Amino acid sequence: MIITPKDKIEAELIEIDNFLNTAMSEDGTEAVQRGNELAIYIARSGKLVADAKYHLNEALKDEVFDILKETAKNAKATSKAVNAIIDSICKEERYLVDWSDRINRTATHQLSWCVTVVSKAKEEMRMAGYGNNMKS
């Protein structure tokens, strides 16, 4: 099992996020090219979501037992307070999970938009009679 290190996840998310924040025209050819890149980013960001969740679960596993032992010793904190403490300790891992999930969803939505642009371009070509005059 190959898990991407947290610093590499962040670096890849920055790269993908920069791509996703680049505007695209409504040109059909550009939409096809962007769609090809988006398909790769969707697959990769899906893996990054899983890897970020792995790191979160590892952090939770390591931190939870220590916190529960300490809390049980003091016996003053409620379960809600313990959960809040655990969440704050694992904030970086949660952030990577949330960000990678958002990147994956954004890329998926942009790919859908590219499909729409390509369909529009095809319909415009059909309506203009492109290709019909070539059958002579």
N, C-alpha and C. Protein backbone atom coordinates (compact mmCIF):
# COMPACT_ATOMS: atom_id res chain seq x y z
N MET A 1 0.85 -1.17 0.00
CA MET A 1 0.00 0.00 0.00
C MET A 1 0.90 1.24 0.00
N ILE A 2 0.67 2.12 -0.97
CA ILE A 2 1.47 3.33 -1.08
C ILE A 2 0.60 4.53 -0.68
N ILE A 3 0.93 5.10 0.47
CA ILE A 3 0.19 6.26 0.98
C ILE A 3 1.04 7.51 0.74
N THR A 4 0.43 8.50 0.12
CA THR A 4 1.12 9.76 -0.15
C THR A 4 1.37 10.49 1.17
N PRO A 5 2.60 10.93 1.42
CA PRO A 5 2.88 11.69 2.64
C PRO A 5 2.07 13.00 2.68
N LYS A 6 1.80 13.48 3.88
CA LYS A 6 0.97 14.68 4.04
C LYS A 6 1.51 15.88 3.29
N ASP A 7 2.82 16.10 3.32
CA ASP A 7 3.38 17.26 2.63
C ASP A 7 3.23 17.14 1.12
N LYS A 8 3.29 15.93 0.60
CA LYS A 8 3.10 15.71 -0.84
C LYS A 8 1.62 15.88 -1.22
N ILE A 9 0.72 15.46 -0.34
CA ILE A 9 -0.71 15.67 -0.58
C ILE A 9 -0.97 17.17 -0.74
N GLU A 10 -0.45 17.94 0.19
CA GLU A 10 -0.66 19.39 0.14
C GLU A 10 -0.09 19.99 -1.15
N ALA A 11 1.11 19.57 -1.54
CA ALA A 11 1.73 20.09 -2.76
C ALA A 11 0.90 19.76 -3.99
N GLU A 12 0.38 18.53 -4.06
CA GLU A 12 -0.45 18.15 -5.21
C GLU A 12 -1.77 18.90 -5.21
N LEU A 13 -2.35 19.09 -4.03
CA LEU A 13 -3.61 19.82 -3.95
C LEU A 13 -3.43 21.26 -4.42
N ILE A 14 -2.31 21.87 -4.08
CA ILE A 14 -2.04 23.24 -4.54
C ILE A 14 -1.97 23.26 -6.06
N GLU A 15 -1.26 22.30 -6.65
CA GLU A 15 -1.15 22.23 -8.11
C GLU A 15 -2.51 22.05 -8.77
N ILE A 16 -3.29 21.12 -8.27
CA ILE A 16 -4.62 20.86 -8.85
C ILE A 16 -5.53 22.06 -8.64
N ASP A 17 -5.47 22.66 -7.46
CA ASP A 17 -6.30 23.83 -7.16
C ASP A 17 -5.98 24.98 -8.11
N ASN A 18 -4.70 25.19 -8.41
CA ASN A 18 -4.32 26.23 -9.37
C ASN A 18 -4.94 25.96 -10.74
N PHE A 19 -4.91 24.71 -11.17
CA PHE A 19 -5.52 24.35 -12.45
C PHE A 19 -7.02 24.61 -12.43
N LEU A 20 -7.67 24.20 -11.34
CA LEU A 20 -9.13 24.36 -11.25
C LEU A 20 -9.55 25.81 -11.19
N ASN A 21 -8.67 26.68 -10.72
CA ASN A 21 -8.98 28.10 -10.62
C ASN A 21 -8.61 28.89 -11.86
N THR A 22 -8.28 28.18 -12.93
CA THR A 22 -7.99 28.82 -14.21
C THR A 22 -9.26 28.79 -15.05
N ALA A 23 -9.65 29.97 -15.52
CA ALA A 23 -10.86 30.07 -16.33
C ALA A 23 -10.66 29.40 -17.69
N MET A 24 -11.76 28.92 -18.24
CA MET A 24 -11.73 28.28 -19.55
C MET A 24 -12.73 28.96 -20.46
N SER A 25 -12.38 29.05 -21.74
CA SER A 25 -13.33 29.62 -22.70
C SER A 25 -14.40 28.58 -23.03
N GLU A 26 -15.30 28.94 -23.89
CA GLU A 26 -16.34 27.98 -24.32
C GLU A 26 -15.97 27.32 -25.64
N ASP A 27 -14.69 27.29 -25.95
CA ASP A 27 -14.20 26.63 -27.15
C ASP A 27 -14.24 25.11 -26.94
N GLY A 28 -14.85 24.40 -27.88
CA GLY A 28 -15.00 22.95 -27.76
C GLY A 28 -13.69 22.21 -27.69
N THR A 29 -12.71 22.63 -28.49
CA THR A 29 -11.40 21.97 -28.48
C THR A 29 -10.71 22.13 -27.13
N GLU A 30 -10.78 23.34 -26.59
CA GLU A 30 -10.20 23.58 -25.26
C GLU A 30 -10.92 22.76 -24.20
N ALA A 31 -12.23 22.62 -24.34
CA ALA A 31 -13.01 21.83 -23.38
C ALA A 31 -12.58 20.36 -23.41
N VAL A 32 -12.30 19.84 -24.59
CA VAL A 32 -11.83 18.45 -24.70
C VAL A 32 -10.48 18.29 -24.01
N GLN A 33 -9.56 19.23 -24.27
CA GLN A 33 -8.24 19.16 -23.66
C GLN A 33 -8.33 19.27 -22.14
N ARG A 34 -9.14 20.23 -21.69
CA ARG A 34 -9.29 20.42 -20.25
C ARG A 34 -9.96 19.19 -19.63
N GLY A 35 -10.95 18.65 -20.32
CA GLY A 35 -11.63 17.45 -19.83
C GLY A 35 -10.68 16.28 -19.65
N ASN A 36 -9.75 16.13 -20.57
CA ASN A 36 -8.75 15.06 -20.44
C ASN A 36 -7.90 15.26 -19.19
N GLU A 37 -7.48 16.49 -18.95
CA GLU A 37 -6.69 16.78 -17.75
C GLU A 37 -7.54 16.60 -16.49
N LEU A 38 -8.78 17.03 -16.55
CA LEU A 38 -9.67 16.89 -15.39
C LEU A 38 -9.88 15.44 -15.01
N ALA A 39 -10.01 14.57 -16.01
CA ALA A 39 -10.20 13.15 -15.73
C ALA A 39 -9.03 12.59 -14.93
N ILE A 40 -7.82 13.02 -15.28
CA ILE A 40 -6.63 12.59 -14.54
C ILE A 40 -6.66 13.15 -13.12
N TYR A 41 -7.01 14.44 -13.01
CA TYR A 41 -7.06 15.07 -11.69
C TYR A 41 -8.16 14.47 -10.81
N ILE A 42 -9.24 14.06 -11.40
CA ILE A 42 -10.32 13.42 -10.62
C ILE A 42 -9.81 12.10 -10.02
N ALA A 43 -9.15 11.33 -10.85
CA ALA A 43 -8.61 10.05 -10.34
C ALA A 43 -7.57 10.30 -9.26
N ARG A 44 -6.69 11.23 -9.49
CA ARG A 44 -5.62 11.48 -8.51
C ARG A 44 -6.18 12.08 -7.23
N SER A 45 -7.11 13.02 -7.36
CA SER A 45 -7.65 13.64 -6.15
C SER A 45 -8.48 12.65 -5.34
N GLY A 46 -9.10 11.69 -6.02
CA GLY A 46 -9.80 10.62 -5.29
C GLY A 46 -8.83 9.82 -4.43
N LYS A 47 -7.65 9.54 -4.98
CA LYS A 47 -6.62 8.84 -4.21
C LYS A 47 -6.12 9.72 -3.07
N LEU A 48 -5.99 11.01 -3.32
CA LEU A 48 -5.54 11.93 -2.27
C LEU A 48 -6.55 12.01 -1.14
N VAL A 49 -7.85 11.92 -1.46
CA VAL A 49 -8.88 11.89 -0.41
C VAL A 49 -8.65 10.67 0.48
N ALA A 50 -8.46 9.52 -0.15
CA ALA A 50 -8.24 8.29 0.61
C ALA A 50 -6.96 8.38 1.46
N ASP A 51 -5.90 8.93 0.87
CA ASP A 51 -4.64 9.06 1.61
C ASP A 51 -4.78 10.03 2.78
N ALA A 52 -5.49 11.13 2.56
CA ALA A 52 -5.70 12.11 3.64
C ALA A 52 -6.53 11.48 4.76
N LYS A 53 -7.51 10.67 4.40
CA LYS A 53 -8.31 9.98 5.42
C LYS A 53 -7.45 8.97 6.20
N TYR A 54 -6.53 8.34 5.51
CA TYR A 54 -5.61 7.41 6.17
C TYR A 54 -4.80 8.16 7.24
N HIS A 55 -4.25 9.31 6.87
CA HIS A 55 -3.47 10.11 7.82
C HIS A 55 -4.34 10.57 8.99
N LEU A 56 -5.57 10.96 8.69
CA LEU A 56 -6.48 11.38 9.76
C LEU A 56 -6.75 10.22 10.71
N ASN A 57 -7.04 9.06 10.17
CA ASN A 57 -7.31 7.90 11.01
C ASN A 57 -6.10 7.50 11.85
N GLU A 58 -4.92 7.62 11.27
CA GLU A 58 -3.70 7.32 12.03
C GLU A 58 -3.53 8.32 13.17
N ALA A 59 -3.77 9.59 12.89
CA ALA A 59 -3.65 10.62 13.93
C ALA A 59 -4.69 10.39 15.02
N LEU A 60 -5.91 10.06 14.60
CA LEU A 60 -6.96 9.79 15.58
C LEU A 60 -6.60 8.61 16.45
N LYS A 61 -6.12 7.57 15.83
CA LYS A 61 -5.76 6.36 16.57
C LYS A 61 -4.69 6.66 17.61
N ASP A 62 -3.68 7.40 17.19
CA ASP A 62 -2.57 7.71 18.10
C ASP A 62 -3.00 8.65 19.22
N GLU A 63 -3.76 9.67 18.88
CA GLU A 63 -4.12 10.70 19.84
C GLU A 63 -5.28 10.31 20.75
N VAL A 64 -6.22 9.57 20.21
CA VAL A 64 -7.44 9.25 20.96
C VAL A 64 -7.14 8.51 22.24
N PHE A 65 -6.30 7.50 22.15
CA PHE A 65 -6.03 6.70 23.34
C PHE A 65 -5.37 7.52 24.44
N ASP A 66 -4.42 8.37 24.05
CA ASP A 66 -3.76 9.22 25.04
C ASP A 66 -4.76 10.17 25.69
N ILE A 67 -5.60 10.77 24.87
CA ILE A 67 -6.59 11.73 25.40
C ILE A 67 -7.59 11.03 26.30
N LEU A 68 -8.06 9.86 25.86
CA LEU A 68 -9.03 9.13 26.66
C LEU A 68 -8.45 8.71 28.00
N LYS A 69 -7.19 8.27 28.00
CA LYS A 69 -6.55 7.90 29.26
C LYS A 69 -6.47 9.10 30.21
N GLU A 70 -6.04 10.23 29.66
CA GLU A 70 -5.90 11.44 30.47
C GLU A 70 -7.26 11.92 30.97
N THR A 71 -8.25 11.88 30.10
CA THR A 71 -9.60 12.32 30.47
C THR A 71 -10.20 11.39 31.51
N ALA A 72 -9.99 10.10 31.31
CA ALA A 72 -10.52 9.13 32.28
C ALA A 72 -9.89 9.35 33.65
N LYS A 73 -8.60 9.70 33.64
CA LYS A 73 -7.91 9.99 34.90
C LYS A 73 -8.56 11.17 35.62
N ASN A 74 -8.80 12.20 34.85
CA ASN A 74 -9.38 13.41 35.45
C ASN A 74 -10.89 13.29 35.63
N ALA A 75 -11.55 12.51 34.80
CA ALA A 75 -12.99 12.23 34.86
C ALA A 75 -13.85 13.48 34.98
N LYS A 76 -13.41 14.55 34.35
CA LYS A 76 -14.18 15.78 34.41
C LYS A 76 -14.74 16.21 33.06
N ALA A 77 -14.19 15.69 31.99
CA ALA A 77 -14.61 16.12 30.66
C ALA A 77 -15.75 15.26 30.13
N THR A 78 -16.69 15.90 29.45
CA THR A 78 -17.79 15.18 28.81
C THR A 78 -17.28 14.56 27.50
N SER A 79 -18.06 13.66 26.93
CA SER A 79 -17.66 13.06 25.66
C SER A 79 -17.60 14.12 24.56
N LYS A 80 -18.48 15.11 24.62
CA LYS A 80 -18.46 16.19 23.64
C LYS A 80 -17.16 16.99 23.74
N ALA A 81 -16.73 17.24 24.96
CA ALA A 81 -15.47 17.96 25.17
C ALA A 81 -14.28 17.15 24.68
N VAL A 82 -14.31 15.85 24.95
CA VAL A 82 -13.23 14.97 24.49
C VAL A 82 -13.18 14.98 22.96
N ASN A 83 -14.33 14.88 22.30
CA ASN A 83 -14.37 14.91 20.84
C ASN A 83 -13.84 16.22 20.28
N ALA A 84 -14.19 17.33 20.93
CA ALA A 84 -13.69 18.63 20.50
C ALA A 84 -12.17 18.71 20.62
N ILE A 85 -11.65 18.14 21.68
CA ILE A 85 -10.19 18.12 21.87
C ILE A 85 -9.54 17.28 20.77
N ILE A 86 -10.11 16.13 20.50
CA ILE A 86 -9.58 15.24 19.47
C ILE A 86 -9.62 15.93 18.11
N ASP A 87 -10.75 16.59 17.81
CA ASP A 87 -10.87 17.29 16.53
C ASP A 87 -9.82 18.38 16.39
N SER A 88 -9.57 19.12 17.47
CA SER A 88 -8.58 20.20 17.39
C SER A 88 -7.17 19.67 17.23
N ILE A 89 -6.88 18.53 17.82
CA ILE A 89 -5.55 17.93 17.70
C ILE A 89 -5.30 17.47 16.26
N CYS A 90 -6.34 16.98 15.60
CA CYS A 90 -6.20 16.43 14.24
C CYS A 90 -6.65 17.43 13.18
N LYS A 91 -6.56 18.72 13.47
CA LYS A 91 -7.10 19.73 12.55
C LYS A 91 -6.39 19.74 11.19
N GLU A 92 -5.09 19.52 11.16
CA GLU A 92 -4.37 19.52 9.89
C GLU A 92 -4.80 18.34 9.01
N GLU A 93 -4.96 17.19 9.61
CA GLU A 93 -5.40 16.01 8.86
C GLU A 93 -6.83 16.19 8.35
N ARG A 94 -7.69 16.74 9.18
CA ARG A 94 -9.08 17.01 8.75
C ARG A 94 -9.10 18.01 7.60
N TYR A 95 -8.24 19.02 7.68
CA TYR A 95 -8.17 20.02 6.63
C TYR A 95 -7.79 19.37 5.29
N LEU A 96 -6.80 18.48 5.31
CA LEU A 96 -6.40 17.79 4.08
C LEU A 96 -7.53 16.94 3.53
N VAL A 97 -8.28 16.27 4.40
CA VAL A 97 -9.43 15.48 3.96
C VAL A 97 -10.46 16.39 3.30
N ASP A 98 -10.81 17.47 3.98
CA ASP A 98 -11.82 18.40 3.44
C ASP A 98 -11.37 19.02 2.12
N TRP A 99 -10.12 19.46 2.06
CA TRP A 99 -9.62 20.11 0.87
C TRP A 99 -9.54 19.14 -0.30
N SER A 100 -9.01 17.95 -0.07
CA SER A 100 -8.91 16.98 -1.16
C SER A 100 -10.29 16.56 -1.66
N ASP A 101 -11.26 16.46 -0.75
CA ASP A 101 -12.63 16.13 -1.15
C ASP A 101 -13.22 17.26 -2.00
N ARG A 102 -12.98 18.50 -1.59
CA ARG A 102 -13.48 19.65 -2.35
C ARG A 102 -12.85 19.71 -3.74
N ILE A 103 -11.55 19.45 -3.81
CA ILE A 103 -10.85 19.43 -5.09
C ILE A 103 -11.46 18.36 -6.00
N ASN A 104 -11.70 17.18 -5.45
CA ASN A 104 -12.27 16.09 -6.24
C ASN A 104 -13.65 16.46 -6.77
N ARG A 105 -14.46 17.04 -5.93
CA ARG A 105 -15.82 17.43 -6.36
C ARG A 105 -15.79 18.56 -7.39
N THR A 106 -14.91 19.52 -7.18
CA THR A 106 -14.80 20.64 -8.13
C THR A 106 -14.35 20.14 -9.49
N ALA A 107 -13.36 19.27 -9.52
CA ALA A 107 -12.89 18.71 -10.79
C ALA A 107 -14.00 17.93 -11.49
N THR A 108 -14.77 17.20 -10.73
CA THR A 108 -15.90 16.44 -11.29
C THR A 108 -16.94 17.38 -11.91
N HIS A 109 -17.25 18.46 -11.21
CA HIS A 109 -18.22 19.43 -11.74
C HIS A 109 -17.68 20.13 -12.99
N GLN A 110 -16.40 20.44 -12.97
CA GLN A 110 -15.82 21.09 -14.14
C GLN A 110 -15.80 20.14 -15.34
N LEU A 111 -15.58 18.86 -15.10
CA LEU A 111 -15.61 17.90 -16.20
C LEU A 111 -17.02 17.83 -16.80
N SER A 112 -18.02 17.88 -15.96
CA SER A 112 -19.41 17.90 -16.46
C SER A 112 -19.64 19.14 -17.33
N TRP A 113 -19.08 20.27 -16.90
CA TRP A 113 -19.22 21.50 -17.67
C TRP A 113 -18.53 21.36 -19.02
N CYS A 114 -17.35 20.72 -19.04
CA CYS A 114 -16.64 20.50 -20.31
C CYS A 114 -17.48 19.65 -21.26
N VAL A 115 -18.13 18.64 -20.73
CA VAL A 115 -19.00 17.80 -21.56
C VAL A 115 -20.12 18.64 -22.16
N THR A 116 -20.67 19.54 -21.38
CA THR A 116 -21.72 20.43 -21.87
C THR A 116 -21.19 21.33 -22.99
N VAL A 117 -20.00 21.88 -22.82
CA VAL A 117 -19.41 22.76 -23.84
C VAL A 117 -19.17 21.99 -25.13
N VAL A 118 -18.66 20.77 -25.02
CA VAL A 118 -18.41 19.95 -26.20
C VAL A 118 -19.73 19.61 -26.90
N SER A 119 -20.75 19.27 -26.13
CA SER A 119 -22.06 18.97 -26.71
C SER A 119 -22.63 20.19 -27.43
N LYS A 120 -22.45 21.34 -26.83
CA LYS A 120 -22.93 22.59 -27.45
C LYS A 120 -22.20 22.83 -28.77
N ALA A 121 -20.89 22.64 -28.77
CA ALA A 121 -20.11 22.84 -29.99
C ALA A 121 -20.55 21.87 -31.09
N LYS A 122 -20.81 20.62 -30.72
CA LYS A 122 -21.28 19.63 -31.70
C LYS A 122 -22.63 20.05 -32.28
N GLU A 123 -23.51 20.50 -31.41
CA GLU A 123 -24.84 20.92 -31.87
C GLU A 123 -24.74 22.14 -32.78
N GLU A 124 -23.87 23.08 -32.46
CA GLU A 124 -23.69 24.26 -33.30
C GLU A 124 -23.15 23.86 -34.67
N MET A 125 -22.22 22.89 -34.71
CA MET A 125 -21.70 22.41 -35.98
C MET A 125 -22.80 21.71 -36.78
N ARG A 126 -23.63 20.94 -36.10
CA ARG A 126 -24.72 20.24 -36.78
C ARG A 126 -25.71 21.24 -37.36
N MET A 127 -26.04 22.26 -36.57
CA MET A 127 -27.01 23.26 -37.01
C MET A 127 -26.45 24.07 -38.18
N ALA A 128 -25.15 24.27 -38.22
CA ALA A 128 -24.52 25.03 -39.31
C ALA A 128 -24.36 24.18 -40.56
N GLY A 129 -24.71 22.90 -40.46
CA GLY A 129 -24.63 22.00 -41.60
C GLY A 129 -23.22 21.53 -41.89
N TYR A 130 -22.35 21.62 -40.90
CA TYR A 130 -20.96 21.20 -41.07
C TYR A 130 -20.92 19.72 -41.41
N GLY A 131 -20.24 19.40 -42.49
CA GLY A 131 -20.10 18.00 -42.89
C GLY A 131 -21.15 17.57 -43.90
N ASN A 132 -22.31 18.23 -43.95
CA ASN A 132 -23.36 17.84 -44.89
C ASN A 132 -22.98 18.16 -46.33
N ASN A 133 -22.18 19.22 -46.53
CA ASN A 133 -21.78 19.60 -47.89
C ASN A 133 -20.62 18.76 -48.40
N MET A 134 -20.05 17.96 -47.57
CA MET A 134 -18.89 17.17 -47.94
C MET A 134 -19.28 15.87 -48.67
N LYS A 135 -20.53 15.53 -48.75
CA LYS A 135 -20.96 14.24 -49.31
C LYS A 135 -21.14 14.27 -50.84
N SER A 136 -20.77 15.28 -51.51
CA SER A 136 -21.00 15.44 -52.95
C SER A 136 -20.32 14.39 -53.77
